[in-house]
Amino acid sequence: MSQVAWILDHPRDLAADFRAFYHLGWREAVALPAPEFLGLAYRVTVFPGVLAARIAERERAERRNVRPGARLVESTRGAIATDPLLRDVVDIG
C-alpha cells in the first residue's frame, strides 16, 4: 500500500487522532497545505491513538495467518542480510 493511500480508508480515525494529538478539527486539518497535512498524517501513527491501534491489530492478524513453525523475518535489508537462511539466497543489492 502506498505511504499515504491509507488516509482515504480511515478519514474518521485520522480526524479523531488529529483532534486528540494536534488539536485540529478536520476542516482545519484538510485546509493545511498538502505537504504539511500528509506529514502530520504520516506521523500520527506513532502516537497511541486510533490509527496506532488499527496498525497493531493488522499486525496481530498478519501474525495469526502465519503457518505454525514458519519463521517471520522483517522485510528490511538488515534483517534479510543477517538472516542465516535468506542472506545467501536473496540479493538485496
N, C-alpha and C. Protein backbone atom coordinates (compact mmCIF):
# COMPACT_ATOMS: atom_id res chain seq x y z
N MET A 1 0.85 -1.18 0.00
CA MET A 1 0.00 0.00 0.00
C MET A 1 0.89 1.24 0.00
N SER A 2 0.40 2.22 -0.67
CA SER A 2 1.12 3.48 -0.73
C SER A 2 1.31 4.06 0.67
N GLN A 3 2.33 4.88 0.82
CA GLN A 3 2.60 5.51 2.10
C GLN A 3 1.43 6.38 2.58
N VAL A 4 0.61 6.90 1.68
CA VAL A 4 -0.47 7.78 2.09
C VAL A 4 -1.86 7.29 1.67
N ALA A 5 -1.95 6.21 0.95
CA ALA A 5 -3.25 5.72 0.48
C ALA A 5 -4.18 5.35 1.63
N TRP A 6 -3.64 4.92 2.76
CA TRP A 6 -4.46 4.53 3.90
C TRP A 6 -5.30 5.69 4.42
N ILE A 7 -4.88 6.92 4.15
CA ILE A 7 -5.63 8.10 4.60
C ILE A 7 -7.06 8.06 4.05
N LEU A 8 -7.19 7.62 2.81
CA LEU A 8 -8.52 7.57 2.18
C LEU A 8 -9.41 6.52 2.83
N ASP A 9 -8.80 5.50 3.44
CA ASP A 9 -9.57 4.43 4.07
C ASP A 9 -9.97 4.74 5.50
N HIS A 10 -9.35 5.71 6.13
CA HIS A 10 -9.57 5.96 7.56
C HIS A 10 -9.76 7.43 7.90
N PRO A 11 -10.62 8.14 7.19
CA PRO A 11 -10.75 9.58 7.47
C PRO A 11 -11.27 9.88 8.87
N ARG A 12 -12.22 9.10 9.37
CA ARG A 12 -12.76 9.37 10.72
C ARG A 12 -11.73 9.08 11.80
N ASP A 13 -11.00 7.99 11.63
CA ASP A 13 -9.95 7.67 12.60
C ASP A 13 -8.87 8.75 12.58
N LEU A 14 -8.50 9.18 11.40
CA LEU A 14 -7.49 10.22 11.27
C LEU A 14 -7.99 11.53 11.87
N ALA A 15 -9.25 11.84 11.64
CA ALA A 15 -9.83 13.06 12.21
C ALA A 15 -9.79 13.01 13.74
N ALA A 16 -10.10 11.85 14.32
CA ALA A 16 -10.06 11.72 15.78
C ALA A 16 -8.65 11.90 16.30
N ASP A 17 -7.69 11.30 15.63
CA ASP A 17 -6.29 11.44 16.07
C ASP A 17 -5.78 12.86 15.88
N PHE A 18 -6.18 13.52 14.80
CA PHE A 18 -5.77 14.91 14.59
C PHE A 18 -6.31 15.79 15.72
N ARG A 19 -7.54 15.55 16.10
CA ARG A 19 -8.14 16.34 17.18
C ARG A 19 -7.41 16.07 18.50
N ALA A 20 -7.13 14.80 18.77
CA ALA A 20 -6.51 14.43 20.05
C ALA A 20 -5.06 14.90 20.16
N PHE A 21 -4.29 14.74 19.10
CA PHE A 21 -2.86 14.99 19.19
C PHE A 21 -2.45 16.38 18.71
N TYR A 22 -3.11 16.89 17.69
CA TYR A 22 -2.72 18.18 17.13
C TYR A 22 -3.72 19.29 17.48
N HIS A 23 -4.82 18.91 18.12
CA HIS A 23 -5.87 19.87 18.49
C HIS A 23 -6.39 20.61 17.28
N LEU A 24 -6.53 19.86 16.17
CA LEU A 24 -7.07 20.42 14.93
C LEU A 24 -8.37 19.71 14.58
N GLY A 25 -9.40 20.49 14.25
CA GLY A 25 -10.61 19.89 13.69
C GLY A 25 -10.32 19.42 12.28
N TRP A 26 -11.19 18.58 11.74
CA TRP A 26 -10.95 18.02 10.42
C TRP A 26 -10.88 19.11 9.36
N ARG A 27 -11.76 20.10 9.44
CA ARG A 27 -11.74 21.19 8.45
C ARG A 27 -10.43 21.96 8.51
N GLU A 28 -9.94 22.19 9.72
CA GLU A 28 -8.65 22.87 9.86
C GLU A 28 -7.52 22.01 9.29
N ALA A 29 -7.61 20.71 9.54
CA ALA A 29 -6.56 19.80 9.08
C ALA A 29 -6.49 19.76 7.56
N VAL A 30 -7.64 19.59 6.90
CA VAL A 30 -7.61 19.48 5.44
C VAL A 30 -7.36 20.82 4.76
N ALA A 31 -7.44 21.91 5.53
CA ALA A 31 -7.12 23.23 4.98
C ALA A 31 -5.61 23.49 4.99
N LEU A 32 -4.86 22.64 5.66
CA LEU A 32 -3.40 22.79 5.68
C LEU A 32 -2.84 22.54 4.29
N PRO A 33 -1.68 23.10 3.99
CA PRO A 33 -1.02 22.75 2.72
C PRO A 33 -0.78 21.23 2.69
N ALA A 34 -0.91 20.65 1.52
CA ALA A 34 -0.83 19.19 1.38
C ALA A 34 0.42 18.59 2.02
N PRO A 35 1.62 19.13 1.80
CA PRO A 35 2.80 18.51 2.43
C PRO A 35 2.72 18.51 3.96
N GLU A 36 2.17 19.58 4.53
CA GLU A 36 2.05 19.65 5.99
C GLU A 36 1.01 18.64 6.48
N PHE A 37 -0.14 18.58 5.83
CA PHE A 37 -1.19 17.64 6.20
C PHE A 37 -0.68 16.20 6.12
N LEU A 38 -0.04 15.86 5.00
CA LEU A 38 0.44 14.49 4.83
C LEU A 38 1.54 14.16 5.83
N GLY A 39 2.39 15.12 6.13
CA GLY A 39 3.42 14.90 7.13
C GLY A 39 2.84 14.62 8.50
N LEU A 40 1.84 15.39 8.89
CA LEU A 40 1.18 15.15 10.18
C LEU A 40 0.42 13.82 10.17
N ALA A 41 -0.24 13.52 9.06
CA ALA A 41 -0.99 12.27 8.97
C ALA A 41 -0.06 11.07 9.08
N TYR A 42 1.07 11.15 8.40
CA TYR A 42 2.04 10.05 8.43
C TYR A 42 2.56 9.84 9.85
N ARG A 43 2.79 10.91 10.57
CA ARG A 43 3.36 10.82 11.92
C ARG A 43 2.36 10.44 13.00
N VAL A 44 1.08 10.60 12.74
CA VAL A 44 0.08 10.33 13.78
C VAL A 44 0.11 8.86 14.22
N THR A 45 0.62 7.99 13.39
CA THR A 45 0.64 6.56 13.74
C THR A 45 1.60 6.23 14.88
N VAL A 46 2.51 7.13 15.22
CA VAL A 46 3.43 6.86 16.32
C VAL A 46 2.83 7.21 17.68
N PHE A 47 1.70 7.91 17.69
CA PHE A 47 1.02 8.24 18.94
C PHE A 47 0.06 7.11 19.30
N PRO A 48 -0.26 6.94 20.58
CA PRO A 48 -1.15 5.85 20.98
C PRO A 48 -2.62 6.18 20.72
N GLY A 49 -2.98 6.30 19.46
CA GLY A 49 -4.35 6.67 19.10
C GLY A 49 -5.05 5.60 18.30
N VAL A 50 -6.11 6.00 17.62
CA VAL A 50 -6.93 5.07 16.85
C VAL A 50 -6.13 4.39 15.75
N LEU A 51 -5.37 5.16 14.99
CA LEU A 51 -4.63 4.56 13.88
C LEU A 51 -3.53 3.63 14.38
N ALA A 52 -2.88 3.97 15.47
CA ALA A 52 -1.87 3.07 16.03
C ALA A 52 -2.52 1.75 16.45
N ALA A 53 -3.73 1.83 17.01
CA ALA A 53 -4.44 0.61 17.41
C ALA A 53 -4.82 -0.21 16.18
N ARG A 54 -5.23 0.44 15.12
CA ARG A 54 -5.57 -0.29 13.89
C ARG A 54 -4.34 -0.98 13.29
N ILE A 55 -3.20 -0.31 13.32
CA ILE A 55 -1.97 -0.90 12.80
C ILE A 55 -1.59 -2.11 13.65
N ALA A 56 -1.68 -1.98 14.97
CA ALA A 56 -1.34 -3.10 15.85
C ALA A 56 -2.27 -4.28 15.60
N GLU A 57 -3.55 -4.02 15.40
CA GLU A 57 -4.50 -5.10 15.13
C GLU A 57 -4.18 -5.77 13.80
N ARG A 58 -3.84 -4.99 12.79
CA ARG A 58 -3.50 -5.56 11.48
C ARG A 58 -2.26 -6.45 11.60
N GLU A 59 -1.27 -5.99 12.36
CA GLU A 59 -0.06 -6.79 12.54
C GLU A 59 -0.35 -8.09 13.29
N ARG A 60 -1.23 -8.02 14.30
CA ARG A 60 -1.62 -9.26 15.02
C ARG A 60 -2.32 -10.21 14.07
N ALA A 61 -3.20 -9.68 13.22
CA ALA A 61 -3.93 -10.53 12.26
C ALA A 61 -2.97 -11.17 11.28
N GLU A 62 -1.97 -10.42 10.83
CA GLU A 62 -0.99 -10.98 9.90
C GLU A 62 -0.20 -12.11 10.56
N ARG A 63 0.13 -11.93 11.84
CA ARG A 63 0.88 -12.98 12.54
C ARG A 63 0.01 -14.23 12.73
N ARG A 64 -1.30 -14.04 12.92
CA ARG A 64 -2.19 -15.20 13.09
C ARG A 64 -2.29 -16.01 11.80
N ASN A 65 -2.04 -15.39 10.66
CA ASN A 65 -2.15 -16.08 9.37
C ASN A 65 -0.87 -16.81 8.98
N VAL A 66 0.12 -16.84 9.84
CA VAL A 66 1.38 -17.50 9.55
C VAL A 66 1.27 -18.98 9.93
N ARG A 67 1.77 -19.82 9.04
CA ARG A 67 1.74 -21.27 9.32
C ARG A 67 2.52 -21.58 10.60
N PRO A 68 2.05 -22.56 11.37
CA PRO A 68 2.81 -22.97 12.54
C PRO A 68 4.21 -23.42 12.13
N GLY A 69 5.19 -23.00 12.88
CA GLY A 69 6.57 -23.36 12.58
C GLY A 69 7.24 -22.43 11.59
N ALA A 70 6.49 -21.54 10.96
CA ALA A 70 7.08 -20.61 9.99
C ALA A 70 7.87 -19.55 10.75
N ARG A 71 8.94 -19.09 10.14
CA ARG A 71 9.75 -18.03 10.71
C ARG A 71 9.38 -16.72 10.05
N LEU A 72 9.24 -15.70 10.83
CA LEU A 72 8.97 -14.37 10.29
C LEU A 72 10.27 -13.58 10.29
N VAL A 73 10.56 -12.97 9.15
CA VAL A 73 11.74 -12.12 9.04
C VAL A 73 11.26 -10.75 8.61
N GLU A 74 11.67 -9.74 9.34
CA GLU A 74 11.30 -8.38 9.00
C GLU A 74 11.79 -8.06 7.59
N SER A 75 11.00 -7.33 6.84
CA SER A 75 11.35 -7.05 5.45
C SER A 75 12.22 -5.81 5.32
N THR A 76 13.36 -5.84 6.00
CA THR A 76 14.34 -4.77 5.90
C THR A 76 15.64 -5.36 5.37
N ARG A 77 16.46 -4.53 4.78
CA ARG A 77 17.75 -5.00 4.26
C ARG A 77 18.58 -5.66 5.36
N GLY A 78 18.63 -5.00 6.51
CA GLY A 78 19.43 -5.52 7.61
C GLY A 78 18.97 -6.89 8.10
N ALA A 79 17.65 -7.05 8.24
CA ALA A 79 17.11 -8.33 8.72
C ALA A 79 17.37 -9.44 7.71
N ILE A 80 17.19 -9.13 6.43
CA ILE A 80 17.42 -10.14 5.39
C ILE A 80 18.91 -10.48 5.30
N ALA A 81 19.75 -9.47 5.37
CA ALA A 81 21.19 -9.69 5.25
C ALA A 81 21.75 -10.51 6.41
N THR A 82 21.13 -10.44 7.57
CA THR A 82 21.64 -11.17 8.72
C THR A 82 20.91 -12.48 8.98
N ASP A 83 19.82 -12.74 8.27
CA ASP A 83 19.10 -13.99 8.45
C ASP A 83 19.92 -15.14 7.86
N PRO A 84 20.17 -16.19 8.64
CA PRO A 84 21.04 -17.27 8.16
C PRO A 84 20.49 -18.02 6.95
N LEU A 85 19.18 -18.05 6.76
CA LEU A 85 18.61 -18.76 5.61
C LEU A 85 18.46 -17.87 4.39
N LEU A 86 18.25 -16.61 4.59
CA LEU A 86 17.97 -15.70 3.48
C LEU A 86 19.21 -15.01 2.90
N ARG A 87 20.19 -14.76 3.73
CA ARG A 87 21.32 -13.92 3.29
C ARG A 87 22.05 -14.49 2.08
N ASP A 88 22.04 -15.81 1.89
CA ASP A 88 22.76 -16.41 0.77
C ASP A 88 21.89 -16.59 -0.48
N VAL A 89 20.58 -16.45 -0.34
CA VAL A 89 19.71 -16.70 -1.49
C VAL A 89 18.97 -15.47 -1.98
N VAL A 90 18.94 -14.40 -1.20
CA VAL A 90 18.23 -13.18 -1.59
C VAL A 90 19.26 -12.10 -1.88
N ASP A 91 19.19 -11.57 -3.09
CA ASP A 91 20.09 -10.48 -3.47
C ASP A 91 19.39 -9.17 -3.13
N ILE A 92 19.87 -8.49 -2.11
CA ILE A 92 19.24 -7.25 -1.70
C ILE A 92 19.96 -6.03 -2.27
N GLY A 93 20.89 -6.30 -3.18
CA GLY A 93 21.58 -5.26 -3.93
C GLY A 93 22.17 -4.21 -3.14
